[in-house]
Amino acid sequence: MSIAPRRAFPARAVVSRLASGLITSDLARDLRRGLGRRPGPPVVEYFHQVDDPYSHLAAQMLGLLARRYGATVRPWLVPPPDAAAAPERERLAAYALRDAGRLAAEYGLAFPPGARSPSPERARAANAELAAGLAVDGFAERAVAVGARLWAGEAAADEADGAAEAGAVAALAEGEARRRRLGHYLGAMTYFEGEWFWGVDRLNHLEERLAARGFDGAPENTPALVPYRAAGAPSAGDLHVGLDAGLGRGPTVELWFSFRSPYTWLAFPRVRRLARRYGADLRLRYILPMVMRGLPVPLVKRRYILLDAKREADRAGLPFGRIVDPVGAGAERALAVAHRALALGSAEAFCEEALRAAFAEGVDLASDRGLYGVARRAGLGDAQVDEALVDQSWRAAAEENRRALFEAGLWGAPTFRVGGAAAHWGQDRLWALEADLRAATGRP
């Protein structure tokens, strides 16, 4: 039984292509920034979640940002995101602890080794301590001090009384209301003139915005406080190194990916380049999209991901923005062809072309015209696509890949790891993948 296509060029695909192109356009971006622009020195709003490792790292940068760019930081306390916005909470908490340690080492920040997620009681005490001084200067320094004790497992400086806890509850409610009003759901977020910046990873974009407004007080050509970590960009040596790829002389890179993940599109071509550069075998492990596995993706999250992915795509030099969401039939049909292409040695080319088509070219993978056209670009014939669409064995492979992903401690795409090393999640961690490849190959 084959996977039936939708009618060619359905209205939904046309609307999706036009709407996504408009939302991610430079014009819309500039309009959002213009509407958020205020005269005078910059004001940056910061949303701190005490039991979030990424918030502890972000807080360490606030004072430096304020001093360099003359910014006023308006802090808010916020609770954790709800389950719909942050599924697989236990896996997320465990991964965040490990990831925060590596991120801290990369950026010269502090995060205690062996840190454990704080208990609800200790988190409440930390919120009470910080809520008492929200309106007083020096929040960043207090947040760092409180976080250092919290993540090191030390007791709070003072035991919170009923009034302090009530103040924390009120502060959290106010921060959550403000966060929702501005359109977000996570902690460790900064907001400046119509744009959101997550954790330490996105501060390079905030610095660029502040500098463009003329607020950078450092001498010309001073490096950014948090420079962008590029990895997987084209290199003159890629072709030469790539001659050894796939010959069993290098490590194996496992890449878990989803055809519905815009961040997978941003990662996929760069992971391929890194694998070739270091002579690694690339093992593709496709999974069903999260929403097709019963994990919700709320509208506010989808909107932020869309705008953030566009910003990251521009940084990486990748096209992005004309999108037809392949969820449902589009993803299933692409998975079926990818499964067939693995046996034919064309999977890397097909998957990259399919991701480019869905997220940069507005191609509807659920239509025959869209899917067969993408397959031809990857060197697959129509008969091979026909065979793929009547073969349901990809479902068992996708489920096996999902189980392996969970065993690696993660749940979403893109995820990658080198050999038996720890897995990394997200295109933000391509620098970590490259570091692991250097360690595995002994190359500088």
Protein backbone atom coordinates (compact mmCIF):
# COMPACT_ATOMS: atom_id res chain seq x y z
CA MET A 1 0.00 0.00 0.00
CA SER A 2 1.55 3.29 -1.08
CA ILE A 3 1.37 6.64 0.71
CA ALA A 4 -1.14 8.69 -1.24
CA PRO A 5 -0.12 12.20 -2.30
CA ARG A 6 -2.23 15.27 -1.79
CA ARG A 7 -3.65 17.00 -4.84
CA ALA A 8 -0.89 18.83 -6.72
CA PHE A 9 -0.50 22.49 -5.67
CA PRO A 10 -3.21 22.49 -2.97
CA ALA A 11 -4.32 25.83 -1.57
CA ARG A 12 -2.72 25.04 1.80
CA ALA A 13 0.72 24.72 0.23
CA VAL A 14 0.33 27.96 -1.70
CA VAL A 15 -0.75 29.85 1.41
CA SER A 16 2.07 28.32 3.46
CA ARG A 17 4.66 29.29 0.87
CA LEU A 18 3.45 32.88 0.67
CA ALA A 19 2.86 33.38 4.39
CA SER A 20 6.19 31.93 5.50
CA GLY A 21 8.03 33.95 2.90
CA LEU A 22 6.38 37.13 4.15
CA ILE A 23 6.92 36.40 7.86
CA THR A 24 10.62 35.62 7.38
CA SER A 25 11.27 38.46 4.94
CA ASP A 26 13.75 41.23 5.69
CA LEU A 27 10.88 43.71 5.37
CA ALA A 28 8.89 42.01 8.12
CA ARG A 29 12.00 41.74 10.30
CA ASP A 30 12.75 45.43 9.91
CA LEU A 31 9.13 46.30 10.63
CA ARG A 32 9.15 44.31 13.88
CA ARG A 33 12.37 46.00 14.93
CA GLY A 34 11.06 49.42 13.97
CA LEU A 35 7.85 48.98 15.96
CA GLY A 36 9.88 47.93 19.00
CA ARG A 37 12.39 50.74 18.72
CA ARG A 38 12.53 53.27 21.55
CA PRO A 39 14.56 56.48 21.83
CA GLY A 40 17.38 56.81 24.32
CA PRO A 41 19.78 54.25 25.78
CA PRO A 42 18.94 50.58 25.17
CA VAL A 43 16.66 48.69 27.54
CA VAL A 44 17.04 44.91 27.48
CA GLU A 45 14.45 42.76 29.24
CA TYR A 46 15.75 39.53 30.73
CA PHE A 47 13.65 36.54 31.86
CA HIS A 48 15.37 34.44 34.52
CA GLN A 49 14.33 30.91 35.49
CA VAL A 50 16.25 29.92 38.61
CA ASP A 51 16.18 26.14 38.00
CA ASP A 52 17.34 26.46 34.38
CA PRO A 53 21.09 25.97 33.80
CA TYR A 54 21.00 28.19 30.72
CA SER A 55 19.62 31.05 32.80
CA HIS A 56 22.58 30.75 35.18
CA LEU A 57 24.97 31.07 32.24
CA ALA A 58 23.05 33.95 30.66
CA ALA A 59 22.99 35.88 33.94
CA GLN A 60 26.79 35.85 33.96
CA MET A 61 26.78 37.88 30.74
CA LEU A 62 24.29 40.57 31.77
CA GLY A 63 26.70 42.84 33.58
CA LEU A 64 29.21 42.68 30.76
CA LEU A 65 26.51 43.51 28.19
CA ALA A 66 25.19 46.39 30.26
CA ARG A 67 28.61 47.96 30.68
CA ARG A 68 29.79 47.56 27.09
CA TYR A 69 26.58 48.72 25.42
CA GLY A 70 25.30 51.14 28.03
CA ALA A 71 22.17 49.05 28.41
CA THR A 72 19.66 48.98 31.22
CA VAL A 73 18.67 45.40 32.05
CA ARG A 74 15.07 44.98 33.25
CA PRO A 75 14.92 41.57 34.98
CA TRP A 76 11.89 39.33 35.38
CA LEU A 77 11.54 36.03 37.21
CA VAL A 78 9.67 33.33 35.30
CA PRO A 79 8.52 29.76 35.99
CA PRO A 80 9.51 26.81 33.80
CA PRO A 81 7.68 26.48 30.47
CA ASP A 82 4.63 24.27 30.43
CA ALA A 83 4.81 20.67 29.25
CA ALA A 84 3.53 21.49 25.77
CA ALA A 85 6.38 23.95 25.16
CA ALA A 86 9.06 21.75 26.74
CA PRO A 87 8.19 18.04 26.32
CA GLU A 88 10.31 15.21 27.71
CA ARG A 89 11.08 17.35 30.76
CA GLU A 90 13.26 14.80 32.55
CA ARG A 91 15.44 14.22 29.49
CA LEU A 92 15.64 17.97 28.91
CA ALA A 93 16.77 18.59 32.50
CA ALA A 94 19.45 15.90 32.34
CA TYR A 95 20.74 17.09 28.98
CA ALA A 96 20.73 20.75 30.02
CA LEU A 97 23.00 19.99 32.98
CA ARG A 98 25.53 18.25 30.77
CA ASP A 99 25.25 20.77 27.96
CA ALA A 100 25.59 23.74 30.31
CA GLY A 101 28.90 22.38 31.57
CA ARG A 102 30.30 22.16 28.06
CA LEU A 103 28.84 25.52 27.07
CA ALA A 104 30.38 27.16 30.14
CA ALA A 105 33.80 25.76 29.27
CA GLU A 106 33.47 27.00 25.69
CA TYR A 107 32.62 30.56 26.71
CA GLY A 108 34.71 30.86 29.86
CA LEU A 109 31.72 30.88 32.22
CA ALA A 110 31.16 29.07 35.50
CA PHE A 111 28.99 26.01 36.05
CA PRO A 112 29.78 23.60 38.88
CA PRO A 113 30.82 20.08 37.87
CA GLY A 114 28.44 17.43 39.09
CA ALA A 115 25.55 19.90 39.34
CA ARG A 116 22.10 18.45 39.92
CA SER A 117 18.70 19.93 39.28
CA PRO A 118 17.56 21.73 42.45
CA SER A 119 14.56 20.52 44.40
CA PRO A 120 11.32 22.53 44.18
CA GLU A 121 11.91 23.73 47.75
CA ARG A 122 15.37 25.10 46.95
CA ALA A 123 14.10 26.69 43.75
CA ARG A 124 11.35 28.42 45.73
CA ALA A 125 13.92 29.74 48.21
CA ALA A 126 16.08 31.04 45.35
CA ASN A 127 13.09 32.78 43.77
CA ALA A 128 12.20 34.34 47.11
CA GLU A 129 15.73 35.65 47.55
CA LEU A 130 15.83 37.17 44.06
CA ALA A 131 12.28 38.53 44.12
CA ALA A 132 13.09 40.65 47.13
CA GLY A 133 15.63 42.63 45.10
CA LEU A 134 14.08 42.75 41.64
CA ALA A 135 13.61 46.51 41.78
CA VAL A 136 17.14 47.14 43.06
CA ASP A 137 20.25 47.56 40.93
CA GLY A 138 22.63 44.62 40.77
CA PHE A 139 20.17 41.84 39.87
CA ALA A 140 22.71 40.13 37.60
CA GLU A 141 25.30 39.84 40.36
CA ARG A 142 22.70 38.53 42.82
CA ALA A 143 21.32 36.05 40.28
CA VAL A 144 24.82 34.70 39.64
CA ALA A 145 25.55 34.39 43.37
CA VAL A 146 22.22 32.72 44.12
CA GLY A 147 22.63 30.42 41.13
CA ALA A 148 26.16 29.45 42.13
CA ARG A 149 24.89 28.27 45.53
CA LEU A 150 21.81 26.63 44.02
CA TRP A 151 23.69 24.59 41.40
CA ALA A 152 26.44 23.68 43.86
CA GLY A 153 23.82 22.21 46.20
CA GLU A 154 24.39 24.75 48.97
CA ALA A 155 21.66 26.09 51.21
CA ALA A 156 20.06 29.49 50.60
CA ALA A 157 21.69 32.47 52.29
CA ASP A 158 18.55 33.07 54.38
CA GLU A 159 15.47 30.97 54.99
CA ALA A 160 12.49 32.45 53.18
CA ASP A 161 9.52 33.47 55.31
CA GLY A 162 5.90 33.53 54.22
CA ALA A 163 6.05 37.12 53.01
CA ALA A 164 9.14 36.42 50.90
CA GLU A 165 7.56 33.37 49.32
CA ALA A 166 4.39 35.33 48.58
CA GLY A 167 6.51 38.02 46.95
CA ALA A 168 8.18 35.38 44.79
CA VAL A 169 4.82 33.97 43.69
CA ALA A 170 3.69 37.47 42.69
CA ALA A 171 6.97 38.17 40.88
CA LEU A 172 6.76 34.89 38.94
CA ALA A 173 3.17 35.62 37.91
CA GLU A 174 4.16 39.09 36.74
CA GLY A 175 7.15 37.76 34.82
CA GLU A 176 5.11 35.03 33.20
CA ALA A 177 2.45 37.54 32.14
CA ARG A 178 5.09 39.79 30.62
CA ARG A 179 6.74 36.89 28.83
CA ARG A 180 3.44 35.74 27.37
CA ARG A 181 2.49 39.26 26.33
CA LEU A 182 5.74 39.64 24.43
CA GLY A 183 5.34 36.18 22.89
CA HIS A 184 7.63 33.60 24.47
CA TYR A 185 7.69 30.59 26.76
CA LEU A 186 11.32 29.85 27.84
CA GLY A 187 13.67 31.08 30.53
CA ALA A 188 17.14 32.48 29.84
CA MET A 189 15.57 34.82 27.26
CA THR A 190 16.49 38.41 26.54
CA TYR A 191 14.20 40.73 24.60
CA PHE A 192 15.21 43.87 22.77
CA GLU A 193 13.11 45.98 20.45
CA GLY A 194 10.86 43.30 19.02
CA GLU A 195 13.32 40.40 18.99
CA TRP A 196 14.09 37.45 21.30
CA PHE A 197 17.52 36.02 22.11
CA TRP A 198 17.94 32.66 23.87
CA GLY A 199 20.60 32.05 26.48
CA VAL A 200 24.25 32.60 25.68
CA ASP A 201 23.88 31.07 22.22
CA ARG A 202 21.95 33.98 20.71
CA LEU A 203 23.74 36.88 22.39
CA ASN A 204 25.86 37.30 19.25
CA HIS A 205 22.69 38.47 17.50
CA LEU A 206 21.82 40.84 20.36
CA GLU A 207 25.31 42.31 20.30
CA GLU A 208 25.00 42.82 16.56
CA ARG A 209 21.70 44.67 17.06
CA LEU A 210 23.12 46.88 19.79
CA ALA A 211 26.24 47.67 17.78
CA ALA A 212 24.15 48.52 14.71
CA ARG A 213 22.25 51.05 16.84
CA GLY A 214 25.56 52.68 17.77
CA PHE A 215 25.61 51.53 21.39
CA ASP A 216 28.90 49.64 21.38
CA GLY A 217 31.23 51.47 23.74
CA ALA A 218 34.28 49.32 23.00
CA PRO A 219 37.06 50.44 20.63
CA GLU A 220 36.60 49.59 16.97
CA ASN A 221 37.33 45.96 16.00
CA THR A 222 37.00 44.75 19.61
CA PRO A 223 35.70 41.15 19.47
CA ALA A 224 32.14 40.52 20.56
CA LEU A 225 31.59 39.36 24.12
CA VAL A 226 29.95 36.20 22.81
CA PRO A 227 31.23 35.58 19.28
CA TYR A 228 29.34 33.32 16.89
CA ARG A 229 30.71 29.76 16.86
CA ALA A 230 30.83 28.78 13.22
CA ALA A 231 31.27 25.15 12.25
CA GLY A 232 30.71 23.19 9.08
CA ALA A 233 31.22 26.13 6.73
CA PRO A 234 32.73 25.31 3.33
CA SER A 235 36.49 24.82 3.47
CA ALA A 236 39.15 24.55 0.78
CA GLY A 237 40.26 21.24 2.26
CA ASP A 238 36.84 19.58 2.23
CA LEU A 239 37.21 17.89 -1.16
CA HIS A 240 40.63 16.45 -0.40
CA VAL A 241 39.63 15.12 3.01
CA GLY A 242 36.37 13.87 1.62
CA LEU A 243 38.18 11.33 -0.57
CA ASP A 244 38.71 9.21 2.53
CA ALA A 245 35.13 9.52 3.78
CA GLY A 246 33.09 6.37 3.87
CA LEU A 247 36.11 4.08 3.56
CA GLY A 248 36.05 2.94 7.17
CA ARG A 249 39.18 4.82 8.19
CA GLY A 250 37.49 7.40 10.36
CA PRO A 251 34.92 7.67 13.15
CA THR A 252 31.18 7.36 12.65
CA VAL A 253 28.91 10.38 13.02
CA GLU A 254 25.31 9.48 13.82
CA LEU A 255 22.79 12.11 12.75
CA TRP A 256 19.21 11.89 13.94
CA PHE A 257 17.01 14.14 11.83
CA SER A 258 13.43 14.99 10.98
CA PHE A 259 12.06 16.27 7.69
CA ARG A 260 9.85 18.69 9.62
CA SER A 261 12.65 20.31 11.63
CA PRO A 262 13.91 23.65 10.27
CA TYR A 263 16.99 23.30 12.48
CA THR A 264 17.70 19.97 10.77
CA TRP A 265 17.90 21.84 7.47
CA LEU A 266 20.37 24.29 9.02
CA ALA A 267 22.49 21.42 10.36
CA PHE A 268 22.32 18.81 7.62
CA PRO A 269 24.65 20.26 4.95
CA ARG A 270 27.15 21.36 7.57
CA VAL A 271 27.20 17.97 9.29
CA ARG A 272 27.85 16.41 5.87
CA ARG A 273 30.76 18.77 5.30
CA LEU A 274 32.23 18.09 8.76
CA ALA A 275 31.99 14.34 8.19
CA ARG A 276 33.83 14.65 4.88
CA ARG A 277 36.38 17.05 6.34
CA TYR A 278 37.38 14.57 9.05
CA GLY A 279 37.03 11.42 6.97
CA ALA A 280 34.07 10.20 9.02
CA ASP A 281 31.28 7.86 8.04
CA LEU A 282 27.89 9.58 8.31
CA ARG A 283 25.09 7.36 9.60
CA LEU A 284 21.69 8.87 8.88
CA ARG A 285 19.01 8.04 11.47
CA TYR A 286 15.67 9.53 10.44
CA ILE A 287 12.80 9.90 12.92
CA LEU A 288 9.19 10.95 12.66
CA PRO A 289 8.49 14.62 13.47
CA MET A 290 7.72 15.29 17.14
CA VAL A 291 4.09 16.21 16.50
CA MET A 292 3.63 12.93 14.61
CA ARG A 293 4.99 11.15 17.69
CA GLY A 294 2.40 12.78 19.95
CA LEU A 295 4.59 15.64 21.21
CA PRO A 296 2.79 18.99 20.82
CA VAL A 297 4.41 22.09 19.36
CA PRO A 298 2.43 25.18 20.46
CA LEU A 299 1.91 28.11 18.11
CA VAL A 300 4.13 30.48 20.12
CA LYS A 301 6.95 27.96 19.89
CA ARG A 302 6.49 27.41 16.15
CA ARG A 303 6.58 31.16 15.54
CA TYR A 304 9.76 31.68 17.53
CA ILE A 305 11.47 28.72 15.85
CA LEU A 306 10.56 30.08 12.43
CA LEU A 307 12.05 33.52 13.11
CA ASP A 308 15.07 32.15 14.94
CA ALA A 309 15.81 29.64 12.20
CA LYS A 310 15.71 32.42 9.60
CA ARG A 311 18.17 34.46 11.65
CA GLU A 312 20.50 31.46 12.06
CA ALA A 313 20.18 30.55 8.38
CA ASP A 314 21.28 34.04 7.39
CA ARG A 315 24.26 33.73 9.74
CA ALA A 316 25.22 30.38 8.21
CA GLY A 317 24.70 31.52 4.61
CA LEU A 318 21.84 29.09 3.95
CA PRO A 319 18.59 29.90 2.13
CA PHE A 320 15.46 29.78 4.30
CA GLY A 321 11.92 31.07 4.45
CA ARG A 322 9.74 29.76 1.62
CA ILE A 323 8.25 26.84 3.52
CA VAL A 324 5.64 24.18 2.95
CA ASP A 325 5.33 22.21 6.17
CA PRO A 326 5.82 18.53 5.28
CA VAL A 327 4.03 17.26 8.41
CA GLY A 328 1.87 14.23 7.69
CA ALA A 329 1.98 12.86 4.16
CA GLY A 330 4.97 14.98 3.11
CA ALA A 331 7.17 13.70 5.93
CA GLU A 332 6.05 10.09 5.50
CA ARG A 333 6.70 10.11 1.76
CA ALA A 334 10.12 11.69 2.24
CA LEU A 335 10.96 9.09 4.89
CA ALA A 336 9.96 6.28 2.56
CA VAL A 337 12.21 7.60 -0.20
CA ALA A 338 15.07 8.26 2.24
CA HIS A 339 14.82 4.64 3.42
CA ARG A 340 15.05 3.40 -0.16
CA ALA A 341 17.86 5.85 -0.94
CA LEU A 342 19.97 4.46 1.91
CA ALA A 343 20.18 1.14 0.09
CA LEU A 344 21.04 2.93 -3.15
CA GLY A 345 23.76 5.16 -1.70
CA SER A 346 21.81 8.35 -2.46
CA ALA A 347 20.36 9.11 0.98
CA GLU A 348 22.59 12.06 1.87
CA ALA A 349 21.86 13.83 -1.40
CA PHE A 350 18.13 13.12 -1.25
CA CYS A 351 17.69 14.20 2.37
CA GLU A 352 19.56 17.46 1.85
CA GLU A 353 17.59 18.23 -1.29
CA ALA A 354 14.29 17.42 0.45
CA LEU A 355 15.10 19.65 3.42
CA ARG A 356 16.19 22.49 1.14
CA ALA A 357 13.00 22.08 -0.88
CA ALA A 358 10.71 22.15 2.16
CA PHE A 359 12.36 25.05 4.02
CA ALA A 360 13.93 27.23 1.35
CA GLU A 361 12.07 26.63 -1.90
CA GLY A 362 8.46 26.11 -0.85
CA VAL A 363 8.19 22.67 -2.43
CA ASP A 364 5.30 20.48 -1.30
CA LEU A 365 6.75 17.05 -0.56
CA ALA A 366 3.24 15.63 -0.22
CA SER A 367 2.62 16.22 -3.93
CA ASP A 368 3.99 13.93 -6.63
CA ARG A 369 5.39 16.88 -8.52
CA GLY A 370 7.30 18.05 -5.46
CA LEU A 371 8.60 14.71 -4.22
CA TYR A 372 9.56 13.23 -7.59
CA GLY A 373 11.25 16.46 -8.60
CA VAL A 374 13.38 16.48 -5.45
CA ALA A 375 14.26 12.81 -5.94
CA ARG A 376 15.41 13.45 -9.51
CA ARG A 377 17.71 16.22 -8.29
CA ALA A 378 19.29 13.66 -5.97
CA GLY A 379 19.83 11.19 -8.80
CA LEU A 380 16.85 8.91 -8.09
CA GLY A 381 14.61 7.70 -10.87
CA ASP A 382 10.82 7.76 -10.82
CA ALA A 383 10.67 3.98 -10.68
CA GLN A 384 12.82 3.97 -7.55
CA VAL A 385 10.46 6.48 -5.91
CA ASP A 386 7.51 4.33 -6.94
CA GLU A 387 9.13 1.35 -5.23
CA ALA A 388 9.85 3.38 -2.11
CA LEU A 389 6.27 4.57 -1.70
CA VAL A 390 4.84 1.05 -1.59
CA ASP A 391 7.43 -0.14 0.92
CA GLN A 392 6.41 0.46 4.55
CA SER A 393 9.59 -0.92 6.11
CA TRP A 394 10.81 2.63 6.82
CA ARG A 395 8.37 2.75 9.75
CA ALA A 396 10.22 0.05 11.67
CA ALA A 397 13.54 1.75 10.93
CA ALA A 398 12.23 5.11 12.13
CA GLU A 399 11.01 3.52 15.35
CA GLU A 400 14.36 1.83 15.89
CA ASN A 401 16.07 5.18 15.39
CA ARG A 402 13.69 6.82 17.89
CA ARG A 403 14.52 4.20 20.51
CA ALA A 404 18.24 4.69 19.91
CA LEU A 405 17.79 8.46 20.27
CA PHE A 406 16.06 8.02 23.61
CA GLU A 407 18.81 5.67 24.75
CA ALA A 408 21.27 8.45 23.89
CA GLY A 409 19.35 10.68 26.33
CA LEU A 410 17.67 12.90 23.75
CA TRP A 411 14.39 13.10 21.87
CA GLY A 412 14.48 15.78 19.19
CA ALA A 413 16.16 16.66 15.92
CA PRO A 414 18.82 17.34 14.94
CA THR A 415 20.93 15.26 17.31
CA PHE A 416 24.40 13.96 16.52
CA ARG A 417 27.27 12.15 18.16
CA VAL A 418 30.69 10.83 17.27
CA GLY A 419 31.28 7.16 18.04
CA GLY A 420 30.45 6.44 21.66
CA ALA A 421 30.81 10.07 22.79
CA ALA A 422 27.96 12.03 24.34
CA ALA A 423 25.27 13.20 21.94
CA HIS A 424 24.62 16.86 21.17
CA TRP A 425 21.27 18.42 20.32
CA GLY A 426 20.67 21.24 17.89
CA GLN A 427 22.50 23.08 15.15
CA ASP A 428 23.90 25.35 17.88
CA ARG A 429 26.25 22.54 18.86
CA LEU A 430 28.03 21.94 15.58
CA TRP A 431 31.16 23.39 17.20
CA ALA A 432 30.91 20.60 19.79
CA LEU A 433 30.55 18.02 17.02
CA GLU A 434 33.66 19.40 15.36
CA ALA A 435 35.56 19.30 18.66
CA ASP A 436 34.56 15.65 19.09
CA LEU A 437 35.72 14.89 15.55
CA ARG A 438 39.06 16.52 16.24
CA ALA A 439 39.43 14.46 19.39
CA ALA A 440 38.48 11.25 17.57
CA THR A 441 40.83 11.83 14.64
CA GLY A 442 43.70 13.60 16.40
CA ARG A 443 43.48 16.44 13.91
CA PRO A 444 43.97 20.10 14.99
